[in-house]
Amino acid sequence: MKKVQTNKYMALSLIGACALVMLPEIACASKFDIDAGIKAATDPLIKAVTDHWGKAVLLTGATGAIVGEGDARQRVVRAGITASAAGGVIMALIAMLS
């Protein structure tokens, strides 16, 4: 029984070694364009953020008002603070990704 497990691990290590040897060759042969890959990955995210950032700020401000404690004035102030913080984060995200 022990010999069967040893052969199993040996076969798995051989397959892994073959994959490591072949991987750079496949990458060189395919001429992968890293810039096009990054652009394809980030463009949908940038479009979604720029299209819906106002809704996210509004929801964050409303959540800050609902979850916060205190009277109405304190809740309004907290809603303004959370909405401005969310707007700043989203604007930084848009600037970073664009």
C-alpha atoms as a PDB file:
ATOM      1  CA  MET A   1       0.000   0.000   0.000  1.00  0.00           C
ATOM      2  CA  LYS A   2       2.816   2.413   0.785  1.00  0.00           C
ATOM      3  CA  LYS A   3       4.397   1.823  -2.611  1.00  0.00           C
ATOM      4  CA  VAL A   4       1.175   2.830  -4.387  1.00  0.00           C
ATOM      5  CA  GLN A   5       1.090   6.171  -2.555  1.00  0.00           C
ATOM      6  CA  THR A   6       4.752   6.810  -3.383  1.00  0.00           C
ATOM      7  CA  ASN A   7       4.106   6.167  -7.066  1.00  0.00           C
ATOM      8  CA  LYS A   8       1.089   8.468  -6.945  1.00  0.00           C
ATOM      9  CA  TYR A   9       3.120  11.341  -5.487  1.00  0.00           C
ATOM     10  CA  MET A  10       5.937  10.689  -7.931  1.00  0.00           C
ATOM     11  CA  ALA A  11       3.521  10.890 -10.864  1.00  0.00           C
ATOM     12  CA  LEU A  12       2.009  14.125  -9.552  1.00  0.00           C
ATOM     13  CA  SER A  13       5.430  15.692  -9.070  1.00  0.00           C
ATOM     14  CA  LEU A  14       6.442  14.641 -12.594  1.00  0.00           C
ATOM     15  CA  ILE A  15       3.305  16.261 -14.035  1.00  0.00           C
ATOM     16  CA  GLY A  16       4.013  19.426 -12.056  1.00  0.00           C
ATOM     17  CA  ALA A  17       7.614  19.556 -13.259  1.00  0.00           C
ATOM     18  CA  CYS A  18       6.489  19.160 -16.881  1.00  0.00           C
ATOM     19  CA  ALA A  19       3.968  21.968 -16.450  1.00  0.00           C
ATOM     20  CA  LEU A  20       6.652  24.290 -15.034  1.00  0.00           C
ATOM     21  CA  VAL A  21       8.966  23.524 -17.929  1.00  0.00           C
ATOM     22  CA  MET A  22       6.285  24.067 -20.579  1.00  0.00           C
ATOM     23  CA  LEU A  23       4.656  27.186 -19.100  1.00  0.00           C
ATOM     24  CA  PRO A  24       7.332  29.745 -20.162  1.00  0.00           C
ATOM     25  CA  GLU A  25       7.440  28.254 -23.643  1.00  0.00           C
ATOM     26  CA  ILE A  26       3.665  28.576 -24.003  1.00  0.00           C
ATOM     27  CA  ALA A  27       3.759  32.163 -22.752  1.00  0.00           C
ATOM     28  CA  CYS A  28       6.510  33.105 -25.218  1.00  0.00           C
ATOM     29  CA  ALA A  29       4.776  31.382 -28.108  1.00  0.00           C
ATOM     30  CA  SER A  30       1.454  33.111 -27.496  1.00  0.00           C
ATOM     31  CA  LYS A  31       2.963  36.652 -27.405  1.00  0.00           C
ATOM     32  CA  PHE A  32       0.607  37.735 -24.643  1.00  0.00           C
ATOM     33  CA  ASP A  33       0.078  41.505 -24.507  1.00  0.00           C
ATOM     34  CA  ILE A  34      -0.052  42.446 -20.824  1.00  0.00           C
ATOM     35  CA  ASP A  35      -1.303  45.995 -21.529  1.00  0.00           C
ATOM     36  CA  ALA A  36      -4.276  44.723 -23.521  1.00  0.00           C
ATOM     37  CA  GLY A  37      -5.068  42.232 -20.749  1.00  0.00           C
ATOM     38  CA  ILE A  38      -5.044  44.927 -18.068  1.00  0.00           C
ATOM     39  CA  LYS A  39      -7.163  47.243 -20.215  1.00  0.00           C
ATOM     40  CA  ALA A  40      -9.709  44.486 -20.841  1.00  0.00           C
ATOM     41  CA  ALA A  41      -9.875  43.743 -17.110  1.00  0.00           C
ATOM     42  CA  THR A  42     -10.203  47.332 -15.858  1.00  0.00           C
ATOM     43  CA  ASP A  43     -12.402  48.988 -18.522  1.00  0.00           C
ATOM     44  CA  PRO A  44     -15.674  47.401 -17.298  1.00  0.00           C
ATOM     45  CA  LEU A  45     -14.828  48.377 -13.714  1.00  0.00           C
ATOM     46  CA  ILE A  46     -14.079  51.981 -14.687  1.00  0.00           C
ATOM     47  CA  LYS A  47     -17.292  52.202 -16.724  1.00  0.00           C
ATOM     48  CA  ALA A  48     -19.384  50.833 -13.851  1.00  0.00           C
ATOM     49  CA  VAL A  49     -17.840  53.217 -11.321  1.00  0.00           C
ATOM     50  CA  THR A  50     -18.237  56.292 -13.525  1.00  0.00           C
ATOM     51  CA  ASP A  51     -21.826  55.389 -14.435  1.00  0.00           C
ATOM     52  CA  HIS A  52     -23.091  54.640 -10.917  1.00  0.00           C
ATOM     53  CA  TRP A  53     -20.913  56.587  -8.480  1.00  0.00           C
ATOM     54  CA  GLY A  54     -23.730  58.961  -7.486  1.00  0.00           C
ATOM     55  CA  LYS A  55     -25.946  56.090  -6.383  1.00  0.00           C
ATOM     56  CA  ALA A  56     -23.150  54.691  -4.241  1.00  0.00           C
ATOM     57  CA  VAL A  57     -22.576  58.058  -2.538  1.00  0.00           C
ATOM     58  CA  LEU A  58     -26.311  58.482  -1.917  1.00  0.00           C
ATOM     59  CA  LEU A  59     -26.628  54.991  -0.427  1.00  0.00           C
ATOM     60  CA  THR A  60     -23.593  55.524   1.779  1.00  0.00           C
ATOM     61  CA  GLY A  61     -24.969  58.812   3.102  1.00  0.00           C
ATOM     62  CA  ALA A  62     -28.386  57.288   3.763  1.00  0.00           C
ATOM     63  CA  THR A  63     -26.801  54.373   5.566  1.00  0.00           C
ATOM     64  CA  GLY A  64     -24.767  56.776   7.694  1.00  0.00           C
ATOM     65  CA  ALA A  65     -27.958  58.588   8.673  1.00  0.00           C
ATOM     66  CA  ILE A  66     -29.968  55.448   9.404  1.00  0.00           C
ATOM     67  CA  VAL A  67     -27.321  53.562  11.360  1.00  0.00           C
ATOM     68  CA  GLY A  68     -26.070  56.606  13.285  1.00  0.00           C
ATOM     69  CA  GLU A  69     -27.190  57.451  16.772  1.00  0.00           C
ATOM     70  CA  GLY A  70     -28.470  60.730  18.127  1.00  0.00           C
ATOM     71  CA  ASP A  71     -31.053  63.300  17.189  1.00  0.00           C
ATOM     72  CA  ALA A  72     -31.945  64.392  13.649  1.00  0.00           C
ATOM     73  CA  ARG A  73     -29.219  67.059  13.467  1.00  0.00           C
ATOM     74  CA  GLN A  74     -26.484  64.590  14.381  1.00  0.00           C
ATOM     75  CA  ARG A  75     -27.787  62.103  11.818  1.00  0.00           C
ATOM     76  CA  VAL A  76     -27.779  64.726   9.054  1.00  0.00           C
ATOM     77  CA  VAL A  77     -24.226  65.725   9.927  1.00  0.00           C
ATOM     78  CA  ARG A  78     -23.164  62.070   9.948  1.00  0.00           C
ATOM     79  CA  ALA A  79     -24.870  61.510   6.583  1.00  0.00           C
ATOM     80  CA  GLY A  80     -22.959  64.442   5.113  1.00  0.00           C
ATOM     81  CA  ILE A  81     -19.661  63.196   6.480  1.00  0.00           C
ATOM     82  CA  THR A  82     -20.152  59.654   5.190  1.00  0.00           C
ATOM     83  CA  ALA A  83     -21.368  60.866   1.785  1.00  0.00           C
ATOM     84  CA  SER A  84     -18.390  63.196   1.369  1.00  0.00           C
ATOM     85  CA  ALA A  85     -16.004  60.446   2.443  1.00  0.00           C
ATOM     86  CA  ALA A  86     -17.581  58.025  -0.034  1.00  0.00           C
ATOM     87  CA  GLY A  87     -17.383  60.648  -2.785  1.00  0.00           C
ATOM     88  CA  GLY A  88     -13.712  61.217  -2.056  1.00  0.00           C
ATOM     89  CA  VAL A  89     -12.965  57.518  -2.176  1.00  0.00           C
ATOM     90  CA  ILE A  90     -14.840  57.069  -5.445  1.00  0.00           C
ATOM     91  CA  MET A  91     -13.161  60.088  -7.053  1.00  0.00           C
ATOM     92  CA  ALA A  92      -9.769  58.730  -5.988  1.00  0.00           C
ATOM     93  CA  LEU A  93     -10.707  55.343  -7.454  1.00  0.00           C
ATOM     94  CA  ILE A  94     -11.743  56.922 -10.761  1.00  0.00           C
ATOM     95  CA  ALA A  95      -8.532  58.965 -10.876  1.00  0.00           C
ATOM     96  CA  MET A  96      -6.416  55.920 -10.082  1.00  0.00           C
ATOM     97  CA  LEU A  97      -8.053  53.656 -12.664  1.00  0.00           C
ATOM     98  CA  SER A  98      -8.278  56.225 -15.486  1.00  0.00           C
END
